[in-house]
Amino acid sequence: MRQPRRLAWLFLLPWMPLTVAHGADVKLQQPKIFENASGEKLPYLLHVPEGATVGEPLPLVVFLHGAGERGHDGKLQMKHRQVLDLLTAKGSPPAIFVAPQCPPDEKWSNVHWGSEKPEPQDAEPTRPMRLLLELLDALAKDLPIDPSRRYVTGLSMGGFGTFEAGPRGHQPLIS
């Protein structure tokens, strides 16, 4: 029984200095609202490294939060900042970071969380996932995003979203 605790502690240990040392250095823009042509809205946070220029494409990292961070405030999705801390840690290459917020009572994926066997992906994405893909298309028009370096990561419900987003992206989304 002690072995798993030791492993969990060792896993958490590398994250701790990053959170303390670099968390204060992160400059996220104020919460934004993406609105598509139909008037549907998706709150999100955006981090664009200082000095990003159109001629120098940067990787895009998308962070999908867990069920406990759903809402409309555009901020709660960053309750767990470790992913952003890794992007801004000393020595990390610059990257554009997007953290959308899933609305209450919706999910990034149609997968049933309690299922014991793999389920096929639905033909259509959930509404929040569709809005996220539309947001990424819109950002790609305005920001220097490298289409071959688009990554998605997630926590809990967002982990299910990574498997949903990967095959749905028009350009590669790597989970």
N, C-alpha and C. Protein backbone atom coordinates (compact mmCIF):
# COMPACT_ATOMS: atom_id res chain seq x y z
N MET A 1 0.82 -1.20 0.00
CA MET A 1 0.00 0.00 0.00
C MET A 1 0.86 1.26 0.00
N ARG A 2 2.03 1.22 0.60
CA ARG A 2 2.89 2.40 0.64
C ARG A 2 3.48 2.72 -0.73
N GLN A 3 3.73 1.73 -1.55
CA GLN A 3 4.35 1.95 -2.86
C GLN A 3 3.57 2.96 -3.71
N PRO A 4 2.23 2.83 -3.88
CA PRO A 4 1.52 3.81 -4.70
C PRO A 4 1.63 5.23 -4.16
N ARG A 5 1.62 5.40 -2.84
CA ARG A 5 1.74 6.74 -2.28
C ARG A 5 3.09 7.36 -2.65
N ARG A 6 4.14 6.58 -2.56
CA ARG A 6 5.47 7.08 -2.91
C ARG A 6 5.52 7.47 -4.39
N LEU A 7 4.93 6.65 -5.23
CA LEU A 7 4.92 6.96 -6.66
C LEU A 7 4.13 8.24 -6.93
N ALA A 8 2.99 8.40 -6.27
CA ALA A 8 2.19 9.60 -6.47
C ALA A 8 2.98 10.83 -6.03
N TRP A 9 3.69 10.75 -4.92
CA TRP A 9 4.48 11.88 -4.44
C TRP A 9 5.59 12.22 -5.43
N LEU A 10 6.26 11.21 -5.95
CA LEU A 10 7.32 11.46 -6.92
C LEU A 10 6.76 12.08 -8.18
N PHE A 11 5.56 11.69 -8.56
CA PHE A 11 4.93 12.26 -9.74
C PHE A 11 4.60 13.73 -9.52
N LEU A 12 4.13 14.09 -8.33
CA LEU A 12 3.74 15.46 -8.05
C LEU A 12 4.93 16.37 -7.81
N LEU A 13 6.01 15.83 -7.31
CA LEU A 13 7.16 16.63 -6.94
C LEU A 13 7.68 17.54 -8.06
N PRO A 14 7.86 17.06 -9.30
CA PRO A 14 8.36 17.96 -10.35
C PRO A 14 7.43 19.13 -10.65
N TRP A 15 6.14 18.98 -10.41
CA TRP A 15 5.20 20.06 -10.73
C TRP A 15 5.30 21.21 -9.73
N MET A 16 5.64 20.89 -8.48
CA MET A 16 5.59 21.89 -7.42
C MET A 16 6.48 23.10 -7.69
N PRO A 17 7.76 22.96 -8.05
CA PRO A 17 8.59 24.14 -8.28
C PRO A 17 8.08 24.99 -9.44
N LEU A 18 7.53 24.38 -10.46
CA LEU A 18 7.03 25.15 -11.60
C LEU A 18 5.87 26.03 -11.18
N THR A 19 4.98 25.48 -10.37
CA THR A 19 3.82 26.24 -9.93
C THR A 19 4.26 27.43 -9.09
N VAL A 20 5.20 27.21 -8.20
CA VAL A 20 5.64 28.28 -7.32
C VAL A 20 6.51 29.29 -8.08
N ALA A 21 7.46 28.80 -8.86
CA ALA A 21 8.43 29.70 -9.48
C ALA A 21 7.88 30.47 -10.67
N HIS A 22 6.98 29.90 -11.43
CA HIS A 22 6.59 30.54 -12.68
C HIS A 22 5.13 30.94 -12.75
N GLY A 23 4.31 30.54 -11.80
CA GLY A 23 2.89 30.87 -11.85
C GLY A 23 2.63 32.36 -11.92
N ALA A 24 3.44 33.15 -11.22
CA ALA A 24 3.23 34.59 -11.20
C ALA A 24 3.64 35.25 -12.50
N ASP A 25 4.47 34.59 -13.32
CA ASP A 25 4.96 35.18 -14.56
C ASP A 25 3.96 35.08 -15.71
N VAL A 26 2.91 34.32 -15.53
CA VAL A 26 1.97 34.06 -16.61
C VAL A 26 1.05 35.25 -16.80
N LYS A 27 0.90 35.67 -18.06
CA LYS A 27 0.01 36.78 -18.36
C LYS A 27 -1.06 36.31 -19.33
N LEU A 28 -2.19 35.93 -18.78
CA LEU A 28 -3.33 35.55 -19.62
C LEU A 28 -4.13 36.81 -19.92
N GLN A 29 -4.67 36.87 -21.11
CA GLN A 29 -5.56 37.98 -21.43
C GLN A 29 -6.84 37.82 -20.63
N GLN A 30 -7.60 38.90 -20.53
CA GLN A 30 -8.89 38.83 -19.87
C GLN A 30 -9.76 37.79 -20.57
N PRO A 31 -10.69 37.19 -19.84
CA PRO A 31 -11.56 36.20 -20.49
C PRO A 31 -12.20 36.79 -21.74
N LYS A 32 -12.25 35.96 -22.76
CA LYS A 32 -12.84 36.35 -24.03
C LYS A 32 -14.05 35.46 -24.30
N ILE A 33 -14.88 35.89 -25.20
CA ILE A 33 -16.03 35.10 -25.62
C ILE A 33 -15.94 34.93 -27.13
N PHE A 34 -15.87 33.68 -27.57
CA PHE A 34 -15.96 33.39 -28.99
C PHE A 34 -17.43 33.28 -29.34
N GLU A 35 -17.85 33.95 -30.40
CA GLU A 35 -19.23 33.86 -30.87
C GLU A 35 -19.20 33.49 -32.35
N ASN A 36 -19.88 32.38 -32.69
CA ASN A 36 -19.88 31.95 -34.09
C ASN A 36 -20.99 32.68 -34.86
N ALA A 37 -21.11 32.37 -36.14
CA ALA A 37 -22.07 33.04 -37.00
C ALA A 37 -23.52 32.83 -36.56
N SER A 38 -23.78 31.74 -35.82
CA SER A 38 -25.13 31.45 -35.34
C SER A 38 -25.42 32.09 -33.99
N GLY A 39 -24.43 32.79 -33.42
CA GLY A 39 -24.63 33.44 -32.12
C GLY A 39 -24.32 32.56 -30.92
N GLU A 40 -23.82 31.34 -31.15
CA GLU A 40 -23.44 30.47 -30.03
C GLU A 40 -22.13 30.97 -29.45
N LYS A 41 -21.98 30.88 -28.12
CA LYS A 41 -20.83 31.46 -27.45
C LYS A 41 -20.04 30.42 -26.68
N LEU A 42 -18.72 30.65 -26.60
CA LEU A 42 -17.80 29.80 -25.83
C LEU A 42 -16.76 30.70 -25.17
N PRO A 43 -16.74 30.75 -23.81
CA PRO A 43 -15.71 31.54 -23.13
C PRO A 43 -14.35 30.86 -23.26
N TYR A 44 -13.28 31.67 -23.27
CA TYR A 44 -11.94 31.10 -23.31
C TYR A 44 -10.92 32.11 -22.80
N LEU A 45 -9.76 31.57 -22.43
CA LEU A 45 -8.60 32.37 -22.07
C LEU A 45 -7.52 32.15 -23.11
N LEU A 46 -6.71 33.14 -23.34
CA LEU A 46 -5.69 33.06 -24.37
C LEU A 46 -4.37 33.62 -23.83
N HIS A 47 -3.30 32.93 -24.15
CA HIS A 47 -1.95 33.41 -23.84
C HIS A 47 -1.16 33.40 -25.15
N VAL A 48 -0.70 34.57 -25.55
CA VAL A 48 0.16 34.70 -26.73
C VAL A 48 1.49 35.25 -26.22
N PRO A 49 2.58 34.54 -26.44
CA PRO A 49 3.88 35.01 -25.93
C PRO A 49 4.22 36.40 -26.47
N GLU A 50 4.86 37.18 -25.62
CA GLU A 50 5.31 38.50 -26.06
C GLU A 50 6.25 38.34 -27.25
N GLY A 51 6.10 39.22 -28.21
CA GLY A 51 6.97 39.20 -29.37
C GLY A 51 6.56 38.23 -30.46
N ALA A 52 5.39 37.57 -30.33
CA ALA A 52 4.91 36.66 -31.37
C ALA A 52 4.63 37.48 -32.63
N THR A 53 5.17 37.01 -33.75
CA THR A 53 4.98 37.73 -35.00
C THR A 53 4.37 36.80 -36.05
N VAL A 54 3.77 37.40 -37.05
CA VAL A 54 3.11 36.64 -38.11
C VAL A 54 4.10 35.75 -38.86
N GLY A 55 5.32 36.19 -39.05
CA GLY A 55 6.30 35.44 -39.83
C GLY A 55 6.91 34.25 -39.11
N GLU A 56 6.68 34.11 -37.82
CA GLU A 56 7.28 33.02 -37.05
C GLU A 56 6.19 32.18 -36.39
N PRO A 57 5.74 31.09 -37.04
CA PRO A 57 4.66 30.28 -36.49
C PRO A 57 5.04 29.62 -35.17
N LEU A 58 4.09 29.59 -34.26
CA LEU A 58 4.29 29.00 -32.94
C LEU A 58 3.38 27.80 -32.74
N PRO A 59 3.76 26.88 -31.85
CA PRO A 59 2.85 25.78 -31.52
C PRO A 59 1.61 26.32 -30.81
N LEU A 60 0.53 25.59 -30.94
CA LEU A 60 -0.71 25.89 -30.23
C LEU A 60 -0.96 24.77 -29.23
N VAL A 61 -1.21 25.13 -27.98
CA VAL A 61 -1.56 24.15 -26.95
C VAL A 61 -2.95 24.50 -26.45
N VAL A 62 -3.86 23.53 -26.53
CA VAL A 62 -5.23 23.70 -26.06
C VAL A 62 -5.39 22.88 -24.79
N PHE A 63 -5.90 23.51 -23.74
CA PHE A 63 -6.13 22.81 -22.47
C PHE A 63 -7.63 22.69 -22.23
N LEU A 64 -8.10 21.45 -22.09
CA LEU A 64 -9.52 21.18 -21.80
C LEU A 64 -9.64 20.80 -20.32
N HIS A 65 -10.41 21.57 -19.59
CA HIS A 65 -10.56 21.39 -18.14
C HIS A 65 -11.50 20.24 -17.80
N GLY A 66 -11.60 19.96 -16.51
CA GLY A 66 -12.47 18.91 -16.01
C GLY A 66 -13.88 19.42 -15.74
N ALA A 67 -14.75 18.51 -15.32
CA ALA A 67 -16.18 18.82 -15.11
C ALA A 67 -16.39 19.88 -14.03
N GLY A 68 -15.52 19.93 -13.04
CA GLY A 68 -15.70 20.88 -11.95
C GLY A 68 -15.41 22.32 -12.31
N GLU A 69 -14.87 22.56 -13.48
CA GLU A 69 -14.52 23.91 -13.89
C GLU A 69 -15.45 24.47 -14.96
N ARG A 70 -16.56 23.77 -15.23
CA ARG A 70 -17.51 24.28 -16.23
C ARG A 70 -18.14 25.58 -15.73
N GLY A 71 -18.59 26.41 -16.66
CA GLY A 71 -19.24 27.65 -16.27
C GLY A 71 -19.31 28.63 -17.41
N HIS A 72 -19.52 29.91 -17.05
CA HIS A 72 -19.63 30.99 -18.03
C HIS A 72 -18.68 32.15 -17.72
N ASP A 73 -17.89 32.04 -16.64
CA ASP A 73 -17.06 33.17 -16.23
C ASP A 73 -15.77 33.31 -17.03
N GLY A 74 -15.37 32.28 -17.77
CA GLY A 74 -14.16 32.35 -18.56
C GLY A 74 -12.88 32.29 -17.74
N LYS A 75 -12.96 31.97 -16.45
CA LYS A 75 -11.79 31.94 -15.58
C LYS A 75 -11.60 30.62 -14.84
N LEU A 76 -12.69 30.00 -14.43
CA LEU A 76 -12.62 28.82 -13.56
C LEU A 76 -11.85 27.67 -14.21
N GLN A 77 -11.76 27.63 -15.53
CA GLN A 77 -11.05 26.55 -16.21
C GLN A 77 -9.56 26.54 -15.88
N MET A 78 -9.03 27.61 -15.32
CA MET A 78 -7.61 27.64 -14.97
C MET A 78 -7.38 27.40 -13.49
N LYS A 79 -8.32 26.75 -12.85
CA LYS A 79 -8.17 26.38 -11.44
C LYS A 79 -6.89 25.56 -11.25
N HIS A 80 -6.59 24.68 -12.20
CA HIS A 80 -5.39 23.87 -12.19
C HIS A 80 -4.45 24.44 -13.26
N ARG A 81 -3.42 25.16 -12.86
CA ARG A 81 -2.58 25.92 -13.78
C ARG A 81 -1.33 25.18 -14.23
N GLN A 82 -1.15 23.93 -13.88
CA GLN A 82 0.11 23.25 -14.16
C GLN A 82 0.47 23.24 -15.64
N VAL A 83 -0.50 23.07 -16.51
CA VAL A 83 -0.20 23.03 -17.95
C VAL A 83 0.37 24.37 -18.40
N LEU A 84 -0.26 25.45 -18.00
CA LEU A 84 0.24 26.77 -18.37
C LEU A 84 1.61 27.02 -17.73
N ASP A 85 1.81 26.57 -16.51
CA ASP A 85 3.11 26.73 -15.86
C ASP A 85 4.21 26.01 -16.64
N LEU A 86 3.91 24.84 -17.18
CA LEU A 86 4.91 24.13 -17.97
C LEU A 86 5.27 24.90 -19.24
N LEU A 87 4.29 25.53 -19.84
CA LEU A 87 4.54 26.30 -21.07
C LEU A 87 5.39 27.53 -20.82
N THR A 88 5.31 28.06 -19.61
CA THR A 88 6.03 29.30 -19.32
C THR A 88 7.25 29.06 -18.44
N ALA A 89 7.59 27.81 -18.18
CA ALA A 89 8.77 27.49 -17.37
C ALA A 89 10.04 27.88 -18.11
N LYS A 90 11.06 28.20 -17.37
CA LYS A 90 12.34 28.57 -17.96
C LYS A 90 12.79 27.47 -18.91
N GLY A 91 13.16 27.84 -20.12
CA GLY A 91 13.62 26.88 -21.11
C GLY A 91 12.52 26.32 -22.00
N SER A 92 11.26 26.57 -21.67
CA SER A 92 10.16 26.09 -22.52
C SER A 92 10.09 26.93 -23.79
N PRO A 93 9.89 26.30 -24.94
CA PRO A 93 9.74 27.10 -26.17
C PRO A 93 8.43 27.89 -26.10
N PRO A 94 8.37 29.05 -26.72
CA PRO A 94 7.14 29.84 -26.71
C PRO A 94 6.02 29.09 -27.42
N ALA A 95 4.80 29.26 -26.92
CA ALA A 95 3.64 28.62 -27.52
C ALA A 95 2.40 29.47 -27.24
N ILE A 96 1.45 29.39 -28.14
CA ILE A 96 0.15 30.02 -27.95
C ILE A 96 -0.69 29.04 -27.15
N PHE A 97 -1.37 29.54 -26.13
CA PHE A 97 -2.13 28.69 -25.22
C PHE A 97 -3.59 29.13 -25.22
N VAL A 98 -4.51 28.17 -25.38
CA VAL A 98 -5.94 28.45 -25.36
C VAL A 98 -6.61 27.53 -24.35
N ALA A 99 -7.42 28.12 -23.47
CA ALA A 99 -8.17 27.35 -22.47
C ALA A 99 -9.65 27.71 -22.57
N PRO A 100 -10.41 26.94 -23.36
CA PRO A 100 -11.85 27.22 -23.46
C PRO A 100 -12.57 26.74 -22.20
N GLN A 101 -13.78 27.23 -21.99
CA GLN A 101 -14.57 26.81 -20.84
C GLN A 101 -15.88 26.19 -21.31
N CYS A 102 -16.07 24.94 -20.94
CA CYS A 102 -17.29 24.21 -21.29
C CYS A 102 -18.46 24.74 -20.45
N PRO A 103 -19.60 25.00 -21.06
CA PRO A 103 -20.76 25.48 -20.30
C PRO A 103 -21.26 24.43 -19.30
N PRO A 104 -21.97 24.89 -18.26
CA PRO A 104 -22.53 23.95 -17.28
C PRO A 104 -23.43 22.92 -17.97
N ASP A 105 -23.44 21.72 -17.42
CA ASP A 105 -24.30 20.63 -17.91
C ASP A 105 -23.98 20.16 -19.33
N GLU A 106 -22.81 20.54 -19.87
CA GLU A 106 -22.38 20.05 -21.18
C GLU A 106 -21.02 19.38 -21.00
N LYS A 107 -20.56 18.68 -22.04
CA LYS A 107 -19.29 17.95 -21.96
C LYS A 107 -18.50 18.15 -23.25
N TRP A 108 -17.18 17.93 -23.15
CA TRP A 108 -16.32 18.01 -24.33
C TRP A 108 -16.54 16.82 -25.25
N SER A 109 -17.04 15.71 -24.71
CA SER A 109 -17.18 14.47 -25.47
C SER A 109 -18.50 13.81 -25.13
N ASN A 110 -19.03 13.02 -26.06
CA ASN A 110 -20.27 12.28 -25.81
C ASN A 110 -20.03 10.94 -25.10
N VAL A 111 -18.79 10.64 -24.78
CA VAL A 111 -18.48 9.37 -24.11
C VAL A 111 -19.12 9.35 -22.72
N HIS A 112 -19.71 8.21 -22.38
CA HIS A 112 -20.29 8.04 -21.04
C HIS A 112 -19.17 7.69 -20.08
N TRP A 113 -18.98 8.50 -19.05
CA TRP A 113 -17.86 8.36 -18.14
C TRP A 113 -17.82 7.01 -17.44
N GLY A 114 -18.96 6.39 -17.19
CA GLY A 114 -19.00 5.13 -16.46
C GLY A 114 -18.86 3.89 -17.35
N SER A 115 -18.70 4.06 -18.63
CA SER A 115 -18.62 2.93 -19.55
C SER A 115 -17.37 2.10 -19.29
N GLU A 116 -17.52 0.80 -19.34
CA GLU A 116 -16.40 -0.10 -19.09
C GLU A 116 -15.74 -0.59 -20.37
N LYS A 117 -16.31 -0.26 -21.52
CA LYS A 117 -15.69 -0.66 -22.78
C LYS A 117 -15.68 0.51 -23.74
N PRO A 118 -14.78 0.49 -24.69
CA PRO A 118 -14.69 1.61 -25.65
C PRO A 118 -16.00 1.82 -26.40
N GLU A 119 -16.30 3.06 -26.63
CA GLU A 119 -17.50 3.43 -27.38
C GLU A 119 -17.07 4.10 -28.68
N PRO A 120 -17.83 3.90 -29.74
CA PRO A 120 -17.49 4.60 -30.99
C PRO A 120 -17.77 6.09 -30.84
N GLN A 121 -17.00 6.89 -31.54
CA GLN A 121 -17.21 8.33 -31.50
C GLN A 121 -18.49 8.68 -32.25
N ASP A 122 -19.30 9.57 -31.68
CA ASP A 122 -20.51 10.01 -32.36
C ASP A 122 -20.15 10.70 -33.67
N ALA A 123 -21.08 10.68 -34.61
CA ALA A 123 -20.84 11.31 -35.91
C ALA A 123 -20.62 12.82 -35.76
N GLU A 124 -21.32 13.44 -34.84
CA GLU A 124 -21.20 14.88 -34.63
C GLU A 124 -20.59 15.15 -33.25
N PRO A 125 -19.75 16.18 -33.15
CA PRO A 125 -19.19 16.51 -31.84
C PRO A 125 -20.24 17.16 -30.94
N THR A 126 -19.93 17.22 -29.66
CA THR A 126 -20.81 17.96 -28.75
C THR A 126 -20.78 19.43 -29.15
N ARG A 127 -21.74 20.18 -28.68
CA ARG A 127 -21.79 21.61 -29.01
C ARG A 127 -20.52 22.34 -28.55
N PRO A 128 -20.04 22.12 -27.30
CA PRO A 128 -18.80 22.80 -26.90
C PRO A 128 -17.59 22.40 -27.75
N MET A 129 -17.50 21.13 -28.15
CA MET A 129 -16.37 20.71 -28.98
C MET A 129 -16.45 21.35 -30.36
N ARG A 130 -17.65 21.42 -30.91
CA ARG A 130 -17.82 22.07 -32.22
C ARG A 130 -17.43 23.54 -32.14
N LEU A 131 -17.84 24.21 -31.05
CA LEU A 131 -17.47 25.61 -30.88
C LEU A 131 -15.97 25.77 -30.70
N LEU A 132 -15.33 24.84 -30.00
CA LEU A 132 -13.88 24.89 -29.84
C LEU A 132 -13.20 24.77 -31.20
N LEU A 133 -13.63 23.85 -32.03
CA LEU A 133 -13.01 23.69 -33.35
C LEU A 133 -13.21 24.94 -34.21
N GLU A 134 -14.38 25.57 -34.09
CA GLU A 134 -14.63 26.82 -34.81
C GLU A 134 -13.72 27.93 -34.27
N LEU A 135 -13.55 27.98 -32.94
CA LEU A 135 -12.66 28.96 -32.32
C LEU A 135 -11.23 28.78 -32.84
N LEU A 136 -10.75 27.55 -32.90
CA LEU A 136 -9.39 27.29 -33.37
C LEU A 136 -9.22 27.74 -34.82
N ASP A 137 -10.23 27.52 -35.64
CA ASP A 137 -10.18 28.00 -37.03
C ASP A 137 -10.08 29.52 -37.07
N ALA A 138 -10.86 30.20 -36.22
CA ALA A 138 -10.84 31.66 -36.18
C ALA A 138 -9.49 32.17 -35.68
N LEU A 139 -8.93 31.55 -34.65
CA LEU A 139 -7.63 31.98 -34.12
C LEU A 139 -6.52 31.79 -35.14
N ALA A 140 -6.62 30.71 -35.93
CA ALA A 140 -5.59 30.42 -36.93
C ALA A 140 -5.52 31.52 -37.99
N LYS A 141 -6.60 32.26 -38.18
CA LYS A 141 -6.61 33.35 -39.15
C LYS A 141 -5.89 34.60 -38.62
N ASP A 142 -5.88 34.75 -37.28
CA ASP A 142 -5.35 35.97 -36.69
C ASP A 142 -4.01 35.81 -35.97
N LEU A 143 -3.65 34.58 -35.62
CA LEU A 143 -2.43 34.35 -34.85
C LEU A 143 -1.43 33.50 -35.64
N PRO A 144 -0.15 33.63 -35.33
CA PRO A 144 0.88 32.86 -36.04
C PRO A 144 0.97 31.42 -35.55
N ILE A 145 -0.06 30.63 -35.80
CA ILE A 145 -0.12 29.24 -35.34
C ILE A 145 0.47 28.32 -36.40
N ASP A 146 1.38 27.47 -35.98
CA ASP A 146 1.98 26.47 -36.87
C ASP A 146 0.99 25.32 -37.01
N PRO A 147 0.42 25.10 -38.20
CA PRO A 147 -0.60 24.06 -38.37
C PRO A 147 -0.09 22.64 -38.11
N SER A 148 1.22 22.44 -38.14
CA SER A 148 1.75 21.10 -37.89
C SER A 148 2.11 20.88 -36.42
N ARG A 149 1.90 21.91 -35.58
CA ARG A 149 2.20 21.78 -34.15
C ARG A 149 1.02 22.27 -33.32
N ARG A 150 -0.09 21.58 -33.45
CA ARG A 150 -1.29 21.87 -32.65
C ARG A 150 -1.49 20.70 -31.70
N TYR A 151 -1.55 21.02 -30.40
CA TYR A 151 -1.63 19.98 -29.38
C TYR A 151 -2.83 20.23 -28.48
N VAL A 152 -3.40 19.16 -27.96
CA VAL A 152 -4.50 19.28 -27.01
C VAL A 152 -4.21 18.37 -25.83
N THR A 153 -4.49 18.89 -24.65
CA THR A 153 -4.32 18.13 -23.43
C THR A 153 -5.53 18.40 -22.56
N GLY A 154 -5.80 17.50 -21.62
CA GLY A 154 -6.98 17.69 -20.79
C GLY A 154 -6.88 16.99 -19.46
N LEU A 155 -7.72 17.42 -18.56
CA LEU A 155 -7.79 16.91 -17.21
C LEU A 155 -9.19 16.35 -16.98
N SER A 156 -9.29 15.09 -16.60
CA SER A 156 -10.57 14.46 -16.27
C SER A 156 -11.53 14.53 -17.46
N MET A 157 -12.62 15.28 -17.36
CA MET A 157 -13.55 15.41 -18.49
C MET A 157 -12.80 15.91 -19.73
N GLY A 158 -11.82 16.77 -19.52
CA GLY A 158 -11.01 17.27 -20.62
C GLY A 158 -10.16 16.19 -21.25
N GLY A 159 -9.80 15.15 -20.47
CA GLY A 159 -9.08 14.01 -21.03
C GLY A 159 -9.93 13.29 -22.06
N PHE A 160 -11.21 13.13 -21.76
CA PHE A 160 -12.12 12.54 -22.74
C PHE A 160 -12.19 13.45 -23.98
N GLY A 161 -12.15 14.76 -23.74
CA GLY A 161 -12.18 15.73 -24.83
C GLY A 161 -10.98 15.64 -25.75
N THR A 162 -9.81 15.25 -25.21
CA THR A 162 -8.63 15.13 -26.07
C THR A 162 -8.83 14.06 -27.12
N PHE A 163 -9.46 12.95 -26.72
CA PHE A 163 -9.71 11.88 -27.69
C PHE A 163 -10.81 12.27 -28.67
N GLU A 164 -11.68 13.17 -28.26
CA GLU A 164 -12.73 13.69 -29.14
C GLU A 164 -12.14 14.67 -30.14
N ALA A 165 -11.25 15.54 -29.67
CA ALA A 165 -10.72 16.62 -30.52
C ALA A 165 -9.76 16.11 -31.58
N GLY A 166 -8.90 15.18 -31.22
CA GLY A 166 -7.86 14.72 -32.14
C GLY A 166 -8.36 14.38 -33.53
N PRO A 167 -9.27 13.42 -33.67
CA PRO A 167 -9.71 13.03 -35.01
C PRO A 167 -10.64 14.05 -35.68
N ARG A 168 -11.15 15.01 -34.93
CA ARG A 168 -12.09 15.98 -35.51
C ARG A 168 -11.42 17.22 -36.08
N GLY A 169 -10.18 17.47 -35.73
CA GLY A 169 -9.51 18.68 -36.19
C GLY A 169 -9.28 18.62 -37.69
N HIS A 170 -9.48 19.76 -38.38
CA HIS A 170 -9.23 19.81 -39.83
C HIS A 170 -7.75 19.66 -40.08
N GLN A 171 -6.95 20.22 -39.19
CA GLN A 171 -5.51 20.09 -39.23
C GLN A 171 -5.14 19.22 -38.03
N PRO A 172 -3.94 18.72 -37.98
CA PRO A 172 -3.60 17.81 -36.88
C PRO A 172 -3.80 18.44 -35.51
N LEU A 173 -4.48 17.72 -34.66
CA LEU A 173 -4.56 18.03 -33.23
C LEU A 173 -4.03 16.81 -32.55
N ILE A 174 -2.94 16.92 -31.86
CA ILE A 174 -2.29 15.76 -31.27
C ILE A 174 -2.59 15.72 -29.79
N SER A 175 -3.11 14.59 -29.29
CA SER A 175 -3.37 14.49 -27.86
C SER A 175 -2.30 13.67 -27.19
